[in-house]
Amino acid sequence: MVFEVEVQVGNQTAPEFAHAGLLGWLDARPREQWPTLLRGDVAWGTEKTMAEAEKRDLPYLLKLRQSDGVKELMRRSVGRTAWAPAGGGWQGVEEVLQW
């Protein structure tokens, strides 16, 4: 569902310029009008976006930029044996990535 489209000049298209609008939109509405999930591409996959979603207890799914550090973390994670049930027949492992 698209609520609004706002066109910006070329150097203001990154999500950092859209955070205030998104957060203001959420905060101005009762919880039952919020989306079930915040979904974003790699440009939205930032610490700021995740922190704001967690502060509001809003589940999110964001594509993570695959830097060299992320790729190495994924390689290490795949090789671990301590995976745990994550629901729906899936398994998961928790890791910490520092920027």
N, C-alpha and C. Protein backbone atom coordinates (compact mmCIF):
# COMPACT_ATOMS: atom_id res chain seq x y z
N MET A 1 0.84 -1.15 0.00
CA MET A 1 0.00 0.00 0.00
C MET A 1 0.90 1.24 0.00
N VAL A 2 0.65 2.15 -0.87
CA VAL A 2 1.40 3.39 -0.93
C VAL A 2 0.51 4.50 -0.38
N PHE A 3 0.99 5.19 0.64
CA PHE A 3 0.21 6.25 1.27
C PHE A 3 0.42 7.59 0.59
N GLU A 4 1.64 7.84 0.18
CA GLU A 4 1.96 9.13 -0.38
C GLU A 4 3.29 9.02 -1.13
N VAL A 5 3.42 9.78 -2.17
CA VAL A 5 4.68 9.86 -2.88
C VAL A 5 5.11 11.31 -2.88
N GLU A 6 6.32 11.55 -2.42
CA GLU A 6 6.85 12.90 -2.37
C GLU A 6 8.16 12.90 -3.14
N VAL A 7 8.26 13.77 -4.10
CA VAL A 7 9.46 13.84 -4.94
C VAL A 7 10.41 14.89 -4.37
N GLN A 8 11.69 14.52 -4.26
CA GLN A 8 12.70 15.41 -3.73
C GLN A 8 13.76 15.67 -4.81
N VAL A 9 14.57 16.67 -4.57
CA VAL A 9 15.69 16.91 -5.46
C VAL A 9 16.64 15.73 -5.37
N GLY A 10 17.51 15.58 -6.36
CA GLY A 10 18.36 14.40 -6.49
C GLY A 10 19.21 14.05 -5.29
N ASN A 11 19.67 15.03 -4.52
CA ASN A 11 20.53 14.71 -3.38
C ASN A 11 19.74 14.50 -2.09
N GLN A 12 18.43 14.44 -2.16
CA GLN A 12 17.61 14.23 -0.96
C GLN A 12 16.66 13.05 -1.14
N THR A 13 17.09 12.03 -1.84
CA THR A 13 16.22 10.89 -2.06
C THR A 13 16.48 9.75 -1.08
N ALA A 14 17.55 9.84 -0.31
CA ALA A 14 17.88 8.78 0.64
C ALA A 14 16.86 8.75 1.78
N PRO A 15 16.64 7.58 2.37
CA PRO A 15 15.69 7.47 3.47
C PRO A 15 15.98 8.37 4.66
N GLU A 16 17.22 8.80 4.84
CA GLU A 16 17.51 9.69 5.97
C GLU A 16 16.65 10.95 5.92
N PHE A 17 16.22 11.35 4.73
CA PHE A 17 15.37 12.52 4.59
C PHE A 17 13.90 12.17 4.78
N ALA A 18 13.58 10.89 4.78
CA ALA A 18 12.19 10.46 4.91
C ALA A 18 11.84 9.96 6.31
N HIS A 19 12.84 9.72 7.15
CA HIS A 19 12.56 9.20 8.49
C HIS A 19 11.55 10.04 9.26
N ALA A 20 11.75 11.34 9.27
CA ALA A 20 10.86 12.21 10.04
C ALA A 20 9.41 12.07 9.59
N GLY A 21 9.20 11.99 8.29
CA GLY A 21 7.84 11.84 7.77
C GLY A 21 7.22 10.51 8.16
N LEU A 22 7.99 9.44 8.04
CA LEU A 22 7.48 8.11 8.40
C LEU A 22 7.17 8.04 9.89
N LEU A 23 8.11 8.48 10.71
CA LEU A 23 7.92 8.40 12.15
C LEU A 23 6.79 9.31 12.61
N GLY A 24 6.68 10.48 12.01
CA GLY A 24 5.58 11.38 12.33
C GLY A 24 4.24 10.78 11.96
N TRP A 25 4.20 10.11 10.82
CA TRP A 25 2.97 9.46 10.38
C TRP A 25 2.55 8.37 11.36
N LEU A 26 3.52 7.55 11.79
CA LEU A 26 3.22 6.50 12.75
C LEU A 26 2.74 7.08 14.08
N ASP A 27 3.49 8.03 14.58
CA ASP A 27 3.21 8.57 15.91
C ASP A 27 1.90 9.35 15.96
N ALA A 28 1.41 9.82 14.84
CA ALA A 28 0.16 10.59 14.81
C ALA A 28 -1.07 9.71 14.76
N ARG A 29 -0.89 8.38 14.69
CA ARG A 29 -2.02 7.47 14.55
C ARG A 29 -2.09 6.50 15.71
N PRO A 30 -3.29 6.02 16.00
CA PRO A 30 -3.41 4.97 17.01
C PRO A 30 -2.74 3.68 16.51
N ARG A 31 -2.27 2.89 17.42
CA ARG A 31 -1.52 1.67 17.08
C ARG A 31 -2.29 0.76 16.11
N GLU A 32 -3.58 0.67 16.24
CA GLU A 32 -4.34 -0.23 15.36
C GLU A 32 -4.34 0.21 13.89
N GLN A 33 -3.92 1.43 13.62
CA GLN A 33 -3.80 1.90 12.24
C GLN A 33 -2.39 1.73 11.67
N TRP A 34 -1.48 1.25 12.47
CA TRP A 34 -0.11 1.05 12.01
C TRP A 34 -0.02 -0.16 11.10
N PRO A 35 0.99 -0.21 10.26
CA PRO A 35 1.21 -1.43 9.48
C PRO A 35 1.67 -2.56 10.40
N THR A 36 1.48 -3.77 9.95
CA THR A 36 1.91 -4.94 10.72
C THR A 36 3.42 -5.07 10.72
N LEU A 37 4.05 -4.63 9.64
CA LEU A 37 5.49 -4.82 9.46
C LEU A 37 6.06 -3.63 8.70
N LEU A 38 7.21 -3.15 9.14
CA LEU A 38 7.95 -2.12 8.41
C LEU A 38 8.93 -2.84 7.50
N ARG A 39 8.78 -2.64 6.21
CA ARG A 39 9.62 -3.33 5.22
C ARG A 39 10.39 -2.29 4.42
N GLY A 40 11.70 -2.50 4.27
CA GLY A 40 12.49 -1.54 3.52
C GLY A 40 13.65 -2.19 2.79
N ASP A 41 14.10 -1.52 1.74
CA ASP A 41 15.23 -2.04 0.97
C ASP A 41 16.54 -1.69 1.68
N VAL A 42 17.65 -1.92 1.01
CA VAL A 42 18.96 -1.76 1.64
C VAL A 42 19.20 -0.33 2.13
N ALA A 43 18.63 0.66 1.48
CA ALA A 43 18.82 2.05 1.91
C ALA A 43 18.17 2.31 3.26
N TRP A 44 17.12 1.57 3.61
CA TRP A 44 16.45 1.73 4.90
C TRP A 44 17.08 0.86 5.98
N GLY A 45 17.94 -0.07 5.62
CA GLY A 45 18.54 -1.00 6.57
C GLY A 45 19.63 -0.36 7.40
N THR A 46 19.29 0.65 8.17
CA THR A 46 20.26 1.39 8.97
C THR A 46 19.96 1.21 10.46
N GLU A 47 20.95 1.51 11.27
CA GLU A 47 20.77 1.44 12.72
C GLU A 47 19.64 2.37 13.16
N LYS A 48 19.56 3.54 12.56
CA LYS A 48 18.52 4.50 12.92
C LYS A 48 17.12 3.92 12.68
N THR A 49 16.91 3.32 11.53
CA THR A 49 15.61 2.74 11.21
C THR A 49 15.26 1.62 12.18
N MET A 50 16.23 0.74 12.42
CA MET A 50 15.98 -0.38 13.33
C MET A 50 15.71 0.10 14.75
N ALA A 51 16.49 1.07 15.22
CA ALA A 51 16.31 1.58 16.58
C ALA A 51 14.93 2.22 16.75
N GLU A 52 14.51 3.00 15.76
CA GLU A 52 13.20 3.65 15.85
C GLU A 52 12.07 2.64 15.81
N ALA A 53 12.20 1.61 14.97
CA ALA A 53 11.17 0.56 14.92
C ALA A 53 11.12 -0.20 16.24
N GLU A 54 12.28 -0.53 16.80
CA GLU A 54 12.32 -1.25 18.07
C GLU A 54 11.77 -0.40 19.21
N LYS A 55 12.05 0.89 19.20
CA LYS A 55 11.53 1.79 20.23
C LYS A 55 10.00 1.79 20.21
N ARG A 56 9.42 1.61 19.04
CA ARG A 56 7.96 1.61 18.89
C ARG A 56 7.38 0.20 18.90
N ASP A 57 8.22 -0.80 19.12
CA ASP A 57 7.80 -2.21 19.12
C ASP A 57 7.11 -2.57 17.79
N LEU A 58 7.67 -2.09 16.70
CA LEU A 58 7.16 -2.35 15.36
C LEU A 58 8.08 -3.35 14.66
N PRO A 59 7.58 -4.54 14.35
CA PRO A 59 8.42 -5.51 13.65
C PRO A 59 8.89 -4.94 12.31
N TYR A 60 10.10 -5.33 11.91
CA TYR A 60 10.64 -4.81 10.65
C TYR A 60 11.41 -5.89 9.91
N LEU A 61 11.48 -5.70 8.61
CA LEU A 61 12.28 -6.55 7.74
C LEU A 61 12.99 -5.62 6.77
N LEU A 62 14.30 -5.50 6.95
CA LEU A 62 15.09 -4.58 6.15
C LEU A 62 16.23 -5.34 5.49
N LYS A 63 16.49 -5.02 4.27
CA LYS A 63 17.61 -5.64 3.58
C LYS A 63 18.90 -5.03 4.11
N LEU A 64 19.84 -5.87 4.46
CA LEU A 64 21.10 -5.42 5.04
C LEU A 64 22.15 -5.28 3.94
N ARG A 65 22.85 -4.18 3.96
CA ARG A 65 23.93 -3.96 3.00
C ARG A 65 25.00 -5.03 3.24
N GLN A 66 25.40 -5.73 2.20
CA GLN A 66 26.35 -6.81 2.35
C GLN A 66 27.79 -6.33 2.20
N SER A 67 28.25 -5.66 3.24
CA SER A 67 29.65 -5.23 3.28
C SER A 67 30.52 -6.45 3.54
N ASP A 68 31.82 -6.27 3.51
CA ASP A 68 32.73 -7.38 3.77
C ASP A 68 32.50 -7.95 5.17
N GLY A 69 32.25 -7.07 6.15
CA GLY A 69 31.99 -7.54 7.52
C GLY A 69 30.72 -8.37 7.61
N VAL A 70 29.68 -7.97 6.90
CA VAL A 70 28.42 -8.72 6.91
C VAL A 70 28.62 -10.07 6.23
N LYS A 71 29.32 -10.09 5.14
CA LYS A 71 29.57 -11.36 4.45
C LYS A 71 30.35 -12.33 5.33
N GLU A 72 31.34 -11.82 6.06
CA GLU A 72 32.12 -12.68 6.96
C GLU A 72 31.24 -13.20 8.09
N LEU A 73 30.41 -12.35 8.65
CA LEU A 73 29.50 -12.76 9.71
C LEU A 73 28.56 -13.86 9.21
N MET A 74 28.06 -13.73 8.00
CA MET A 74 27.17 -14.73 7.43
C MET A 74 27.90 -16.06 7.22
N ARG A 75 29.14 -16.00 6.75
CA ARG A 75 29.93 -17.23 6.58
C ARG A 75 30.11 -17.94 7.92
N ARG A 76 30.44 -17.17 8.95
CA ARG A 76 30.62 -17.77 10.28
C ARG A 76 29.31 -18.36 10.79
N SER A 77 28.21 -17.66 10.58
CA SER A 77 26.91 -18.11 11.09
C SER A 77 26.46 -19.41 10.45
N VAL A 78 26.67 -19.53 9.15
CA VAL A 78 26.25 -20.74 8.44
C VAL A 78 26.97 -21.96 8.99
N GLY A 79 28.22 -21.78 9.39
CA GLY A 79 29.00 -22.90 9.89
C GLY A 79 28.71 -23.29 11.33
N ARG A 80 27.93 -22.49 12.05
CA ARG A 80 27.63 -22.80 13.45
C ARG A 80 26.63 -23.94 13.56
N THR A 81 26.70 -24.65 14.67
CA THR A 81 25.77 -25.76 14.89
C THR A 81 24.69 -25.40 15.91
N ALA A 82 24.77 -24.24 16.51
CA ALA A 82 23.84 -23.85 17.58
C ALA A 82 22.62 -23.11 17.06
N TRP A 83 22.04 -23.56 15.96
CA TRP A 83 20.84 -22.93 15.44
C TRP A 83 19.64 -23.37 16.28
N ALA A 84 18.67 -22.49 16.44
CA ALA A 84 17.51 -22.77 17.28
C ALA A 84 16.23 -22.61 16.47
N PRO A 85 15.17 -23.31 16.86
CA PRO A 85 13.89 -23.14 16.17
C PRO A 85 13.44 -21.67 16.23
N ALA A 86 12.97 -21.16 15.08
CA ALA A 86 12.54 -19.77 15.00
C ALA A 86 11.06 -19.65 14.65
N GLY A 87 10.37 -20.77 14.61
CA GLY A 87 8.94 -20.77 14.28
C GLY A 87 8.69 -21.02 12.81
N GLY A 88 7.56 -21.56 12.50
CA GLY A 88 7.17 -21.80 11.11
C GLY A 88 8.08 -22.78 10.39
N GLY A 89 8.75 -23.64 11.14
CA GLY A 89 9.65 -24.61 10.52
C GLY A 89 11.03 -24.05 10.20
N TRP A 90 11.29 -22.81 10.59
CA TRP A 90 12.57 -22.16 10.33
C TRP A 90 13.50 -22.30 11.52
N GLN A 91 14.79 -22.15 11.27
CA GLN A 91 15.78 -22.10 12.33
C GLN A 91 16.55 -20.80 12.21
N GLY A 92 17.08 -20.33 13.33
CA GLY A 92 17.82 -19.08 13.29
C GLY A 92 18.99 -19.12 14.26
N VAL A 93 19.89 -18.21 14.05
CA VAL A 93 21.03 -18.02 14.94
C VAL A 93 21.21 -16.53 15.14
N GLU A 94 21.49 -16.12 16.37
CA GLU A 94 21.65 -14.69 16.64
C GLU A 94 23.13 -14.33 16.62
N GLU A 95 23.44 -13.23 15.96
CA GLU A 95 24.80 -12.73 15.88
C GLU A 95 24.77 -11.24 16.18
N VAL A 96 25.91 -10.69 16.49
CA VAL A 96 26.05 -9.25 16.73
C VAL A 96 27.00 -8.68 15.71
N LEU A 97 26.58 -7.62 15.07
CA LEU A 97 27.39 -6.95 14.07
C LEU A 97 27.62 -5.52 14.54
N GLN A 98 28.87 -5.14 14.65
CA GLN A 98 29.19 -3.78 15.06
C GLN A 98 29.72 -3.01 13.85
N TRP A 99 29.28 -1.77 13.73
CA TRP A 99 29.67 -0.95 12.59
C TRP A 99 30.97 -0.29 12.84
